C-alpha atoms as a PDB file:
ATOM      1  CA  MET A   1       1.352  -4.453  24.049  1.00  0.00           C
ATOM      2  CA  THR A   2       1.499  -1.129  22.012  1.00  0.00           C
ATOM      3  CA  THR A   3       5.068  -0.781  19.443  1.00  0.00           C
ATOM      4  CA  LEU A   4       4.400   3.124  17.931  1.00  0.00           C
ATOM      5  CA  VAL A   5       2.435   6.087  18.687  1.00  0.00           C
ATOM      6  CA  ALA A   6       1.937   9.067  16.156  1.00  0.00           C
ATOM      7  CA  ARG A   7       0.554  11.673  17.907  1.00  0.00           C
ATOM      8  CA  ASN A   8      -0.382  15.199  15.493  1.00  0.00           C
ATOM      9  CA  ILE A   9       2.474  14.666  13.235  1.00  0.00           C
ATOM     10  CA  ARG A  10       2.642  18.133  10.974  1.00  0.00           C
ATOM     11  CA  LYS A  11       4.953  18.544   8.442  1.00  0.00           C
ATOM     12  CA  SER A  12       5.436  21.735   5.614  1.00  0.00           C
ATOM     13  CA  TYR A  13       7.639  22.776   2.532  1.00  0.00           C
ATOM     14  CA  GLY A  14       7.383  25.951   2.058  1.00  0.00           C
ATOM     15  CA  ARG A  15       3.684  26.560   1.472  1.00  0.00           C
ATOM     16  CA  VAL A  16       2.899  22.770   0.966  1.00  0.00           C
ATOM     17  CA  ARG A  17       1.514  21.347   3.848  1.00  0.00           C
ATOM     18  CA  ALA A  18       2.476  17.492   3.191  1.00  0.00           C
ATOM     19  CA  LEU A  19       1.264  15.898   6.746  1.00  0.00           C
ATOM     20  CA  ASN A  20      -1.654  17.439   9.103  1.00  0.00           C
ATOM     21  CA  GLY A  21      -2.114  16.332  12.412  1.00  0.00           C
ATOM     22  CA  VAL A  22      -1.601  12.520  11.723  1.00  0.00           C
ATOM     23  CA  SER A  23      -2.524  10.495  14.804  1.00  0.00           C
ATOM     24  CA  PHE A  24      -2.469   6.367  14.637  1.00  0.00           C
ATOM     25  CA  GLU A  25      -0.782   3.469  17.006  1.00  0.00           C
ATOM     26  CA  THR A  26      -0.029  -0.077  16.624  1.00  0.00           C
ATOM     27  CA  GLU A  27       0.684  -3.764  18.569  1.00  0.00           C
ATOM     28  CA  LYS A  28       2.947  -6.180  18.403  1.00  0.00           C
ATOM     29  CA  GLY A  29       2.694  -8.780  15.549  1.00  0.00           C
ATOM     30  CA  GLU A  30       0.071  -5.799  13.376  1.00  0.00           C
ATOM     31  CA  MET A  31       0.291  -5.641   9.578  1.00  0.00           C
ATOM     32  CA  PHE A  32      -1.097  -1.970   9.400  1.00  0.00           C
ATOM     33  CA  GLY A  33      -1.122  -0.766   5.869  1.00  0.00           C
ATOM     34  CA  ILE A  34      -0.600   3.132   4.704  1.00  0.00           C
ATOM     35  CA  ILE A  35      -2.915   3.283   1.607  1.00  0.00           C
ATOM     36  CA  GLY A  36      -2.493   6.544  -0.663  1.00  0.00           C
ATOM     37  CA  PRO A  37      -2.341   8.525  -4.017  1.00  0.00           C
ATOM     38  CA  ASP A  38       1.137   9.815  -5.223  1.00  0.00           C
ATOM     39  CA  GLY A  39       1.660  12.939  -3.318  1.00  0.00           C
ATOM     40  CA  ALA A  40      -0.019  11.570  -0.618  1.00  0.00           C
ATOM     41  CA  GLY A  41       2.343  12.159   2.207  1.00  0.00           C
ATOM     42  CA  LYS A  42       3.166   8.337   2.857  1.00  0.00           C
ATOM     43  CA  THR A  43       6.855   8.659   2.164  1.00  0.00           C
ATOM     44  CA  THR A  44       7.090  11.986   4.605  1.00  0.00           C
ATOM     45  CA  LEU A  45       5.350   9.765   7.082  1.00  0.00           C
ATOM     46  CA  PHE A  46       7.170   6.956   7.075  1.00  0.00           C
ATOM     47  CA  ARG A  47      10.959   9.249   7.203  1.00  0.00           C
ATOM     48  CA  ILE A  48       9.689  10.554  10.255  1.00  0.00           C
ATOM     49  CA  LEU A  49       8.363   7.822  12.101  1.00  0.00           C
ATOM     50  CA  THR A  50      12.128   5.892  11.589  1.00  0.00           C
ATOM     51  CA  SER A  51      13.333   8.991  12.805  1.00  0.00           C
ATOM     52  CA  LEU A  52      14.630   9.915   9.457  1.00  0.00           C
ATOM     53  CA  MET A  53      13.304  13.829   9.575  1.00  0.00           C
ATOM     54  CA  LEU A  54      11.597  16.351  12.510  1.00  0.00           C
ATOM     55  CA  PRO A  55       8.199  16.466  12.274  1.00  0.00           C
ATOM     56  CA  ASP A  56       7.606  20.608  12.790  1.00  0.00           C
ATOM     57  CA  GLU A  57       4.690  19.442  15.414  1.00  0.00           C
ATOM     58  CA  GLY A  58       3.745  16.102  17.374  1.00  0.00           C
ATOM     59  CA  ASP A  59       5.738  13.352  19.025  1.00  0.00           C
ATOM     60  CA  VAL A  60       6.493   9.275  17.310  1.00  0.00           C
ATOM     61  CA  LYS A  61       7.275   7.618  19.985  1.00  0.00           C
ATOM     62  CA  VAL A  62       8.438   3.478  18.546  1.00  0.00           C
ATOM     63  CA  GLY A  63       8.554   1.170  21.600  1.00  0.00           C
ATOM     64  CA  GLY A  64       8.440   3.718  24.037  1.00  0.00           C
ATOM     65  CA  PHE A  65      11.593   6.242  22.728  1.00  0.00           C
ATOM     66  CA  ASP A  66      11.370   9.453  20.903  1.00  0.00           C
ATOM     67  CA  THR A  67      12.317   9.658  17.464  1.00  0.00           C
ATOM     68  CA  ALA A  68      13.804  13.164  17.872  1.00  0.00           C
ATOM     69  CA  GLY A  69      14.966  12.633  21.226  1.00  0.00           C
ATOM     70  CA  GLN A  70      16.434   8.654  21.288  1.00  0.00           C
ATOM     71  CA  TYR A  71      16.435   8.832  17.781  1.00  0.00           C
ATOM     72  CA  GLN A  72      20.087   6.258  17.933  1.00  0.00           C
ATOM     73  CA  GLN A  73      17.878   3.806  20.580  1.00  0.00           C
ATOM     74  CA  VAL A  74      14.755   3.660  17.916  1.00  0.00           C
ATOM     75  CA  ARG A  75      17.184   2.955  14.826  1.00  0.00           C
ATOM     76  CA  ASN A  76      17.778   0.086  16.855  1.00  0.00           C
ATOM     77  CA  LEU A  77      14.617  -1.237  17.117  1.00  0.00           C
ATOM     78  CA  ILE A  78      13.275  -0.273  13.731  1.00  0.00           C
ATOM     79  CA  GLY A  79      14.135  -1.760  10.416  1.00  0.00           C
ATOM     80  CA  TYR A  80      13.537   0.638   7.378  1.00  0.00           C
ATOM     81  CA  MET A  81      13.027  -0.454   3.203  1.00  0.00           C
ATOM     82  CA  PRO A  82      12.346   2.506   1.681  1.00  0.00           C
ATOM     83  CA  GLY A  83      10.228   3.062  -1.352  1.00  0.00           C
ATOM     84  CA  ARG A  84      14.279   3.406  -3.523  1.00  0.00           C
ATOM     85  CA  PHE A  85      16.669   0.405  -3.624  1.00  0.00           C
ATOM     86  CA  SER A  86      18.919   1.762  -1.409  1.00  0.00           C
ATOM     87  CA  LEU A  87      21.691  -0.669  -0.636  1.00  0.00           C
ATOM     88  CA  TYR A  88      25.534  -1.066  -1.697  1.00  0.00           C
ATOM     89  CA  GLN A  89      24.998  -1.858  -6.022  1.00  0.00           C
ATOM     90  CA  ASP A  90      28.505  -2.412  -6.788  1.00  0.00           C
ATOM     91  CA  LEU A  91      28.778  -4.674  -3.387  1.00  0.00           C
ATOM     92  CA  SER A  92      27.385  -8.304  -3.804  1.00  0.00           C
ATOM     93  CA  VAL A  93      24.724  -9.343  -2.362  1.00  0.00           C
ATOM     94  CA  GLU A  94      26.841 -11.177   0.530  1.00  0.00           C
ATOM     95  CA  GLU A  95      28.441  -8.442   0.952  1.00  0.00           C
ATOM     96  CA  ASN A  96      25.354  -6.775   1.648  1.00  0.00           C
ATOM     97  CA  LEU A  97      24.060  -8.758   4.173  1.00  0.00           C
ATOM     98  CA  ALA A  98      27.794  -8.658   6.007  1.00  0.00           C
ATOM     99  CA  PHE A  99      28.197  -4.900   6.149  1.00  0.00           C
ATOM    100  CA  PHE A 100      24.282  -4.312   7.019  1.00  0.00           C
ATOM    101  CA  ALA A 101      24.736  -6.957  10.062  1.00  0.00           C
ATOM    102  CA  THR A 102      27.721  -5.781  10.966  1.00  0.00           C
ATOM    103  CA  VAL A 103      27.102  -2.191  11.748  1.00  0.00           C
ATOM    104  CA  TYR A 104      23.810  -3.574  13.922  1.00  0.00           C
ATOM    105  CA  ASN A 105      26.799  -5.584  15.487  1.00  0.00           C
ATOM    106  CA  THR A 106      25.561  -8.803  15.038  1.00  0.00           C
ATOM    107  CA  THR A 107      26.141 -11.601  12.125  1.00  0.00           C
ATOM    108  CA  ILE A 108      23.660 -13.013   9.965  1.00  0.00           C
ATOM    109  CA  GLU A 109      24.002 -16.958  12.005  1.00  0.00           C
ATOM    110  CA  GLU A 110      22.462 -14.976  14.815  1.00  0.00           C
ATOM    111  CA  ASN A 111      19.225 -13.697  13.293  1.00  0.00           C
ATOM    112  CA  TYR A 112      19.537 -16.463  10.158  1.00  0.00           C
ATOM    113  CA  HIS A 113      15.718 -18.165  11.428  1.00  0.00           C
ATOM    114  CA  LEU A 114      14.089 -14.964  10.637  1.00  0.00           C
ATOM    115  CA  ILE A 115      15.711 -14.838   6.858  1.00  0.00           C
ATOM    116  CA  GLU A 116      16.450 -18.043   5.630  1.00  0.00           C
ATOM    117  CA  ASP A 117      13.276 -18.377   3.777  1.00  0.00           C
ATOM    118  CA  ILE A 118      14.461 -15.101   1.817  1.00  0.00           C
ATOM    119  CA  TYR A 119      17.973 -15.213   1.272  1.00  0.00           C
ATOM    120  CA  ARG A 120      17.284 -18.898   0.472  1.00  0.00           C
ATOM    121  CA  GLN A 121      15.514 -17.540  -2.631  1.00  0.00           C
ATOM    122  CA  ILE A 122      18.921 -14.815  -3.551  1.00  0.00           C
ATOM    123  CA  GLU A 123      21.084 -17.848  -2.316  1.00  0.00           C
ATOM    124  CA  PRO A 124      22.405 -18.584  -5.774  1.00  0.00           C
ATOM    125  CA  PHE A 125      22.698 -14.881  -6.852  1.00  0.00           C
ATOM    126  CA  LYS A 126      25.066 -14.561  -3.548  1.00  0.00           C
ATOM    127  CA  ASP A 127      28.488 -13.624  -5.924  1.00  0.00           C
ATOM    128  CA  ARG A 128      26.481 -11.320  -7.904  1.00  0.00           C
ATOM    129  CA  ARG A 129      26.499  -7.129  -7.854  1.00  0.00           C
ATOM    130  CA  ALA A 130      23.219  -5.980  -5.931  1.00  0.00           C
ATOM    131  CA  GLY A 131      23.135  -3.404  -9.127  1.00  0.00           C
ATOM    132  CA  LYS A 132      22.762  -6.586 -11.562  1.00  0.00           C
ATOM    133  CA  LEU A 133      19.739  -7.971  -8.868  1.00  0.00           C
ATOM    134  CA  SER A 134      16.369  -8.092 -11.379  1.00  0.00           C
ATOM    135  CA  GLY A 135      13.293  -5.986  -9.130  1.00  0.00           C
ATOM    136  CA  GLY A 136      12.166  -8.503  -7.335  1.00  0.00           C
ATOM    137  CA  MET A 137      15.570  -9.607  -5.802  1.00  0.00           C
ATOM    138  CA  LYS A 138      17.034  -6.687  -5.642  1.00  0.00           C
ATOM    139  CA  GLN A 139      13.400  -6.124  -2.840  1.00  0.00           C
ATOM    140  CA  LYS A 140      13.946  -9.216  -1.076  1.00  0.00           C
ATOM    141  CA  LEU A 141      17.393  -9.024  -0.484  1.00  0.00           C
ATOM    142  CA  ALA A 142      17.156  -5.132   1.066  1.00  0.00           C
ATOM    143  CA  LEU A 143      14.674  -6.861   3.089  1.00  0.00           C
ATOM    144  CA  CYS A 144      17.290  -9.369   4.418  1.00  0.00           C
ATOM    145  CA  CYS A 145      18.633  -6.473   4.890  1.00  0.00           C
ATOM    146  CA  SER A 146      16.318  -4.600   6.951  1.00  0.00           C
ATOM    147  CA  LEU A 147      15.856  -8.062   8.726  1.00  0.00           C
ATOM    148  CA  ILE A 148      19.131  -8.822   9.937  1.00  0.00           C
ATOM    149  CA  HIS A 149      18.873  -6.864  13.105  1.00  0.00           C
ATOM    150  CA  LYS A 150      16.229  -8.873  14.445  1.00  0.00           C
ATOM    151  CA  PRO A 151      14.070  -5.720  14.759  1.00  0.00           C
ATOM    152  CA  GLU A 152      10.653  -5.258  16.484  1.00  0.00           C
ATOM    153  CA  VAL A 153       8.871  -3.168  13.841  1.00  0.00           C
ATOM    154  CA  LEU A 154       9.746  -3.642   9.757  1.00  0.00           C
ATOM    155  CA  PHE A 155       9.274   0.051   7.877  1.00  0.00           C
ATOM    156  CA  LEU A 156       7.970  -0.216   4.010  1.00  0.00           C
ATOM    157  CA  ASP A 157       7.915   2.743   1.869  1.00  0.00           C
ATOM    158  CA  GLU A 158       5.790   0.490  -1.325  1.00  0.00           C
ATOM    159  CA  PRO A 159       8.329  -3.148  -1.014  1.00  0.00           C
ATOM    160  CA  THR A 160       6.169  -4.269  -4.117  1.00  0.00           C
ATOM    161  CA  THR A 161       5.852  -1.209  -6.698  1.00  0.00           C
ATOM    162  CA  GLY A 162       8.055  -1.522 -10.147  1.00  0.00           C
ATOM    163  CA  ILE A 163       8.272  -5.761  -9.350  1.00  0.00           C
ATOM    164  CA  ASP A 164       6.601  -8.852 -10.991  1.00  0.00           C
ATOM    165  CA  PRO A 165       3.268 -10.361 -10.305  1.00  0.00           C
ATOM    166  CA  VAL A 166       5.316 -13.392  -9.004  1.00  0.00           C
ATOM    167  CA  SER A 167       7.515 -12.134  -6.654  1.00  0.00           C
ATOM    168  CA  ARG A 168       4.346  -9.453  -5.507  1.00  0.00           C
ATOM    169  CA  ARG A 169       2.429 -12.854  -3.932  1.00  0.00           C
ATOM    170  CA  GLU A 170       5.804 -14.060  -2.641  1.00  0.00           C
ATOM    171  CA  LEU A 171       6.894 -10.912  -0.326  1.00  0.00           C
ATOM    172  CA  TRP A 172       3.872 -10.801   0.808  1.00  0.00           C
ATOM    173  CA  GLU A 173       3.861 -14.122   2.109  1.00  0.00           C
ATOM    174  CA  LEU A 174       6.881 -13.276   3.473  1.00  0.00           C
ATOM    175  CA  LEU A 175       5.702 -11.085   5.280  1.00  0.00           C
ATOM    176  CA  ARG A 176       2.540 -13.207   6.643  1.00  0.00           C
ATOM    177  CA  LYS A 177       5.117 -14.971   8.316  1.00  0.00           C
ATOM    178  CA  LEU A 178       7.131 -12.343   9.742  1.00  0.00           C
ATOM    179  CA  LYS A 179       4.266 -10.963  11.508  1.00  0.00           C
ATOM    180  CA  ALA A 180       3.309 -14.542  12.825  1.00  0.00           C
ATOM    181  CA  GLN A 181       6.718 -13.527  14.632  1.00  0.00           C
ATOM    182  CA  GLY A 182       6.026 -10.789  16.524  1.00  0.00           C
ATOM    183  CA  ILE A 183       7.379  -8.521  14.289  1.00  0.00           C
ATOM    184  CA  THR A 184       5.116  -5.031  13.682  1.00  0.00           C
ATOM    185  CA  ILE A 185       4.771  -3.966  10.296  1.00  0.00           C
ATOM    186  CA  ILE A 186       4.020  -0.590   8.518  1.00  0.00           C
ATOM    187  CA  VAL A 187       3.761  -0.619   4.655  1.00  0.00           C
ATOM    188  CA  SER A 188       2.478   1.518   2.403  1.00  0.00           C
ATOM    189  CA  THR A 189       1.283   0.335  -0.924  1.00  0.00           C
ATOM    190  CA  PRO A 190      -1.227   1.882  -3.608  1.00  0.00           C
ATOM    191  CA  TYR A 191      -2.936  -1.795  -4.521  1.00  0.00           C
ATOM    192  CA  MET A 192      -5.658  -2.534  -3.045  1.00  0.00           C
ATOM    193  CA  ASP A 193      -5.792  -6.207  -3.493  1.00  0.00           C
ATOM    194  CA  GLU A 194      -3.047  -5.487  -0.549  1.00  0.00           C
ATOM    195  CA  ALA A 195      -4.504  -3.232   1.439  1.00  0.00           C
ATOM    196  CA  VAL A 196      -6.854  -6.006   2.544  1.00  0.00           C
ATOM    197  CA  ILE A 197      -4.542  -8.253   3.798  1.00  0.00           C
ATOM    198  CA  CYS A 198      -3.798  -5.962   6.507  1.00  0.00           C
ATOM    199  CA  ASP A 199      -4.647  -5.894   9.655  1.00  0.00           C
ATOM    200  CA  ARG A 200      -6.004  -2.133   9.850  1.00  0.00           C
ATOM    201  CA  ILE A 201      -5.305   0.282   6.827  1.00  0.00           C
ATOM    202  CA  ALA A 202      -5.878   3.641   6.762  1.00  0.00           C
ATOM    203  CA  LEU A 203      -6.205   5.885   3.681  1.00  0.00           C
ATOM    204  CA  ILE A 204      -4.337   9.044   3.111  1.00  0.00           C
ATOM    205  CA  LYS A 205      -4.910  12.457   1.325  1.00  0.00           C
ATOM    206  CA  ASN A 206      -3.523  15.723   0.947  1.00  0.00           C
ATOM    207  CA  GLY A 207      -1.606  14.657   4.013  1.00  0.00           C
ATOM    208  CA  GLU A 208      -4.582  13.696   6.197  1.00  0.00           C
ATOM    209  CA  PHE A 209      -5.973  10.322   7.244  1.00  0.00           C
ATOM    210  CA  LEU A 210      -9.668   9.649   6.192  1.00  0.00           C
ATOM    211  CA  THR A 211      -9.853   6.688   8.270  1.00  0.00           C
ATOM    212  CA  VAL A 212      -7.821   3.523  10.130  1.00  0.00           C
ATOM    213  CA  ASP A 213     -10.194   0.680  10.057  1.00  0.00           C
ATOM    214  CA  SER A 214     -10.176  -3.203   9.338  1.00  0.00           C
ATOM    215  CA  PRO A 215     -10.157  -3.647   5.981  1.00  0.00           C
ATOM    216  CA  ALA A 216     -13.965  -5.477   7.361  1.00  0.00           C
ATOM    217  CA  ASN A 217     -14.954  -2.725   9.080  1.00  0.00           C
ATOM    218  CA  ILE A 218     -14.434  -0.302   6.100  1.00  0.00           C
ATOM    219  CA  THR A 219     -16.313  -2.440   3.194  1.00  0.00           C
ATOM    220  CA  LYS A 220     -18.988  -2.854   6.219  1.00  0.00           C
ATOM    221  CA  ALA A 221     -19.706   0.481   7.030  1.00  0.00           C
ATOM    222  CA  PHE A 222     -20.266   1.876   3.167  1.00  0.00           C
ATOM    223  CA  PRO A 223     -23.722   2.645   2.695  1.00  0.00           C
ATOM    224  CA  ASP A 224     -25.477   1.968  -0.639  1.00  0.00           C
ATOM    225  CA  LYS A 225     -25.883  -0.785  -2.416  1.00  0.00           C
ATOM    226  CA  LEU A 226     -23.712  -1.416  -5.146  1.00  0.00           C
ATOM    227  CA  TRP A 227     -24.286  -2.568  -8.785  1.00  0.00           C
ATOM    228  CA  SER A 228     -22.019  -4.058 -11.114  1.00  0.00           C
ATOM    229  CA  VAL A 229     -23.131  -2.651 -14.964  1.00  0.00           C
ATOM    230  CA  GLN A 230     -21.690  -3.329 -18.493  1.00  0.00           C
ATOM    231  CA  THR A 231     -23.106  -2.873 -21.788  1.00  0.00           C
ATOM    232  CA  ASP A 232     -21.841  -3.553 -25.856  1.00  0.00           C
ATOM    233  CA  HIS A 233     -20.997   0.093 -25.802  1.00  0.00           C
ATOM    234  CA  ARG A 234     -18.419   1.029 -23.086  1.00  0.00           C
ATOM    235  CA  HIS A 235     -17.575   4.735 -23.997  1.00  0.00           C
ATOM    236  CA  ARG A 236     -21.465   6.171 -24.221  1.00  0.00           C
ATOM    237  CA  LEU A 237     -22.589   4.173 -20.925  1.00  0.00           C
ATOM    238  CA  MET A 238     -19.879   6.211 -19.042  1.00  0.00           C
ATOM    239  CA  HIS A 239     -21.695   9.225 -20.329  1.00  0.00           C
ATOM    240  CA  ASP A 240     -24.861   8.169 -19.777  1.00  0.00           C
ATOM    241  CA  LEU A 241     -24.370   6.892 -16.478  1.00  0.00           C
ATOM    242  CA  HIS A 242     -22.919  10.232 -15.919  1.00  0.00           C
ATOM    243  CA  ASN A 243     -25.689  12.507 -16.885  1.00  0.00           C
ATOM    244  CA  CYS A 244     -28.456   9.989 -15.528  1.00  0.00           C
ATOM    245  CA  SER A 245     -30.240  11.721 -12.497  1.00  0.00           C
ATOM    246  CA  PHE A 246     -30.764   8.683 -10.256  1.00  0.00           C
ATOM    247  CA  VAL A 247     -27.097   7.899 -10.853  1.00  0.00           C
ATOM    248  CA  ARG A 248     -25.324   8.481  -7.224  1.00  0.00           C
ATOM    249  CA  SER A 249     -22.103   7.113  -8.290  1.00  0.00           C
ATOM    250  CA  SER A 250     -20.221   5.760 -10.684  1.00  0.00           C
ATOM    251  CA  PHE A 251     -16.553   3.850 -11.424  1.00  0.00           C
ATOM    252  CA  LEU A 252     -15.081   2.612 -14.164  1.00  0.00           C
ATOM    253  CA  PHE A 253     -13.592  -0.735 -12.679  1.00  0.00           C
ATOM    254  CA  GLY A 254     -12.213  -3.125 -15.779  1.00  0.00           C
ATOM    255  CA  ALA A 255     -14.615  -3.801 -17.979  1.00  0.00           C
ATOM    256  CA  SER A 256     -17.602  -2.870 -15.495  1.00  0.00           C
ATOM    257  CA  PHE A 257     -19.461   0.106 -14.252  1.00  0.00           C
ATOM    258  CA  HIS A 258     -19.926   0.798 -10.347  1.00  0.00           C
ATOM    259  CA  VAL A 259     -23.002   2.060  -9.609  1.00  0.00           C
ATOM    260  CA  SER A 260     -24.851   3.185  -6.848  1.00  0.00           C
ATOM    261  CA  PHE A 261     -28.186   5.378  -6.507  1.00  0.00           C
ATOM    262  CA  THR A 262     -30.223   7.569  -5.392  1.00  0.00           C
ATOM    263  CA  PRO A 263     -33.277   6.418  -3.497  1.00  0.00           C
ATOM    264  CA  ASP A 264     -35.831   6.871  -6.341  1.00  0.00           C
ATOM    265  CA  GLY A 265     -33.263   4.738  -8.316  1.00  0.00           C
ATOM    266  CA  SER A 266     -32.947   1.045  -8.707  1.00  0.00           C
ATOM    267  CA  PRO A 267     -31.782  -1.573 -11.470  1.00  0.00           C
ATOM    268  CA  GLU A 268     -34.557  -2.277 -13.215  1.00  0.00           C
ATOM    269  CA  ARG A 269     -35.088   2.115 -13.271  1.00  0.00           C
ATOM    270  CA  LEU A 270     -31.165   1.782 -14.832  1.00  0.00           C
ATOM    271  CA  GLU A 271     -31.653  -0.673 -17.374  1.00  0.00           C
ATOM    272  CA  ASN A 272     -34.809   0.363 -18.874  1.00  0.00           C
ATOM    273  CA  TYR A 273     -32.875   4.022 -19.455  1.00  0.00           C
ATOM    274  CA  LEU A 274     -29.932   2.370 -21.075  1.00  0.00           C
ATOM    275  CA  HIS A 275     -32.283   0.284 -23.104  1.00  0.00           C
ATOM    276  CA  VAL A 276     -33.956   4.050 -24.616  1.00  0.00           C
ATOM    277  CA  SER A 277     -30.304   5.427 -24.719  1.00  0.00           C
ATOM    278  CA  GLY A 278     -29.631   2.607 -27.014  1.00  0.00           C
ATOM    279  CA  HIS A 279     -27.435   0.317 -25.248  1.00  0.00           C
ATOM    280  CA  THR A 280     -28.025  -3.770 -25.886  1.00  0.00           C
ATOM    281  CA  LYS A 281     -26.068  -6.895 -23.739  1.00  0.00           C
ATOM    282  CA  ILE A 282     -27.182  -4.827 -20.374  1.00  0.00           C
ATOM    283  CA  GLY A 283     -26.137  -6.973 -17.153  1.00  0.00           C
ATOM    284  CA  ILE A 284     -26.675  -5.557 -13.751  1.00  0.00           C
ATOM    285  CA  ASP A 285     -25.320  -6.879 -11.031  1.00  0.00           C
ATOM    286  CA  CYS A 286     -25.753  -6.507  -7.747  1.00  0.00           C
ATOM    287  CA  ILE A 287     -21.907  -6.904  -5.871  1.00  0.00           C
ATOM    288  CA  GLU A 288     -20.073  -6.537  -2.676  1.00  0.00           C
ATOM    289  CA  PRO A 289     -17.954  -3.297  -1.902  1.00  0.00           C
ATOM    290  CA  GLY A 290     -14.438  -3.294  -2.342  1.00  0.00           C
ATOM    291  CA  VAL A 291     -11.375  -1.459   0.036  1.00  0.00           C
ATOM    292  CA  GLU A 292     -11.433   1.152  -3.065  1.00  0.00           C
ATOM    293  CA  ASP A 293     -15.078   2.118  -3.952  1.00  0.00           C
ATOM    294  CA  CYS A 294     -15.613   2.474  -0.144  1.00  0.00           C
ATOM    295  CA  PHE A 295     -11.786   4.927  -0.479  1.00  0.00           C
ATOM    296  CA  LEU A 296     -13.554   6.148  -3.366  1.00  0.00           C
ATOM    297  CA  ALA A 297     -16.455   7.604  -1.460  1.00  0.00           C
ATOM    298  CA  MET A 298     -15.021   9.841   0.936  1.00  0.00           C
ATOM    299  CA  LEU A 299     -13.318  10.994  -1.361  1.00  0.00           C
ATOM    300  CA  LYS A 300     -14.261  15.103  -3.261  1.00  0.00           C
ATOM    301  CA  ASP A 301     -15.388  14.318  -6.289  1.00  0.00           C
ATOM    302  CA  ASN A 302     -11.790  16.229  -8.055  1.00  0.00           C
ATOM    303  CA  ASP A 303      -9.726  13.243  -5.912  1.00  0.00           C
ATOM    304  CA  GLN A 304     -11.853  10.594  -6.679  1.00  0.00           C
ATOM    305  CA  ALA A 305     -11.116  11.492  -9.964  1.00  0.00           C
ATOM    306  CA  GLU A 306      -7.117  11.359  -9.051  1.00  0.00           C
ATOM    307  CA  LEU A 307      -7.128   9.065  -7.224  1.00  0.00           C
ATOM    308  CA  MET A 308      -8.868   6.240  -9.575  1.00  0.00           C
ATOM    309  CA  GLN A 309      -5.588   7.347 -11.941  1.00  0.00           C
ATOM    310  CA  THR A 310      -3.197   6.522  -9.388  1.00  0.00           C
ATOM    311  CA  ILE A 311      -4.758   3.273  -8.951  1.00  0.00           C
ATOM    312  CA  GLU A 312      -5.388   2.483 -12.987  1.00  0.00           C
ATOM    313  CA  GLY A 313      -1.896   3.793 -13.947  1.00  0.00           C
ATOM    314  CA  TYR A 314      -0.598   1.218 -11.094  1.00  0.00           C
ATOM    315  CA  LYS A 315      -2.945  -1.676 -12.512  1.00  0.00           C
ATOM    316  CA  ARG A 316      -0.882  -0.551 -15.726  1.00  0.00           C
ATOM    317  CA  ARG A 317       2.142  -1.241 -14.248  1.00  0.00           C
ATOM    318  CA  GLU A 318       1.606  -4.066 -12.979  1.00  0.00           C
ATOM    319  CA  SER A 319      -0.657  -5.440 -16.470  1.00  0.00           C
ATOM    320  CA  ASP A 320       3.118  -5.256 -18.376  1.00  0.00           C
ATOM    321  CA  LYS A 321       5.353  -6.640 -15.985  1.00  0.00           C
ATOM    322  CA  ALA A 322       2.979  -9.801 -15.556  1.00  0.00           C
ATOM    323  CA  ILE A 323       3.266  -9.269 -19.890  1.00  0.00           C
ATOM    324  CA  TRP A 324       6.707  -9.103 -19.754  1.00  0.00           C
ATOM    325  CA  HIS A 325       6.833 -12.104 -17.010  1.00  0.00           C
ATOM    326  CA  LEU A 326       4.204 -14.464 -18.792  1.00  0.00           C
ATOM    327  CA  TYR A 327       6.930 -14.154 -22.360  1.00  0.00           C
ATOM    328  CA  SER A 328      10.065 -14.135 -20.122  1.00  0.00           C
ATOM    329  CA  SER A 329       9.805 -17.484 -18.307  1.00  0.00           C
END
């Protein structure tokens, strides 16, 4: 059963084209991920899908209702958790839940089974003002408020950005349980490890979907063999790989580079090239491509650098959060 249909969505802000012909569908109980760097158009797309903004062209139907002409029916069917915390910070946890239940003409008790696993984690803080909660607790409260009316489609705009790794894992486990109950989940994230949890993912860049498929099919379609390369001189290695005539592509992933070859290249030839260039402790291993590798292969050179910068930025923030969590626990 199709829960959402988006056709040829276009949106501009003056001369800036935010969305350029986005089309896709989702099925009941599907978890659909939208992946892309900052400024790619994710938030604009979410606002249009949730009837908060009209597109310049195209149309969206949720549960068979048009988001432009039947927005009230659409809003009764959906839950939306925007990227920024949007609840009432001066109200307590319990007061926020009661308020949103009243807005949707329901009660906390009526749909408690949907939020039970989440609410049990924030119940000890039910009298605390929402603005005083930690980042992870704020997101769990926002998710509870989004689910209080039992939506058919749940929209989550970067729900794990800015929260610690433990809260990230807990939130995704909760989403898996909601998916098992038949709720369609449309989620955007910059974290590639989260993307692979989704049934299907779409890479958005400059307002366009570059591909839409399952993570397994996307990685299976990677065109080349991929090799992990590292030596004892990482900065020099980056320069030498860039100037190597038989290296098709090379990108830094942690302590190693992911490398693909032109038809005349090989790991043996690269090892000899690096040895002659003065490298020692050379390691070259064949690896399976990940979602990041596949997305980078689809992008132009200037876009690859921008996406890698975005990915590395989020990884640094995640590392900082992990260190903070370690020392505060």
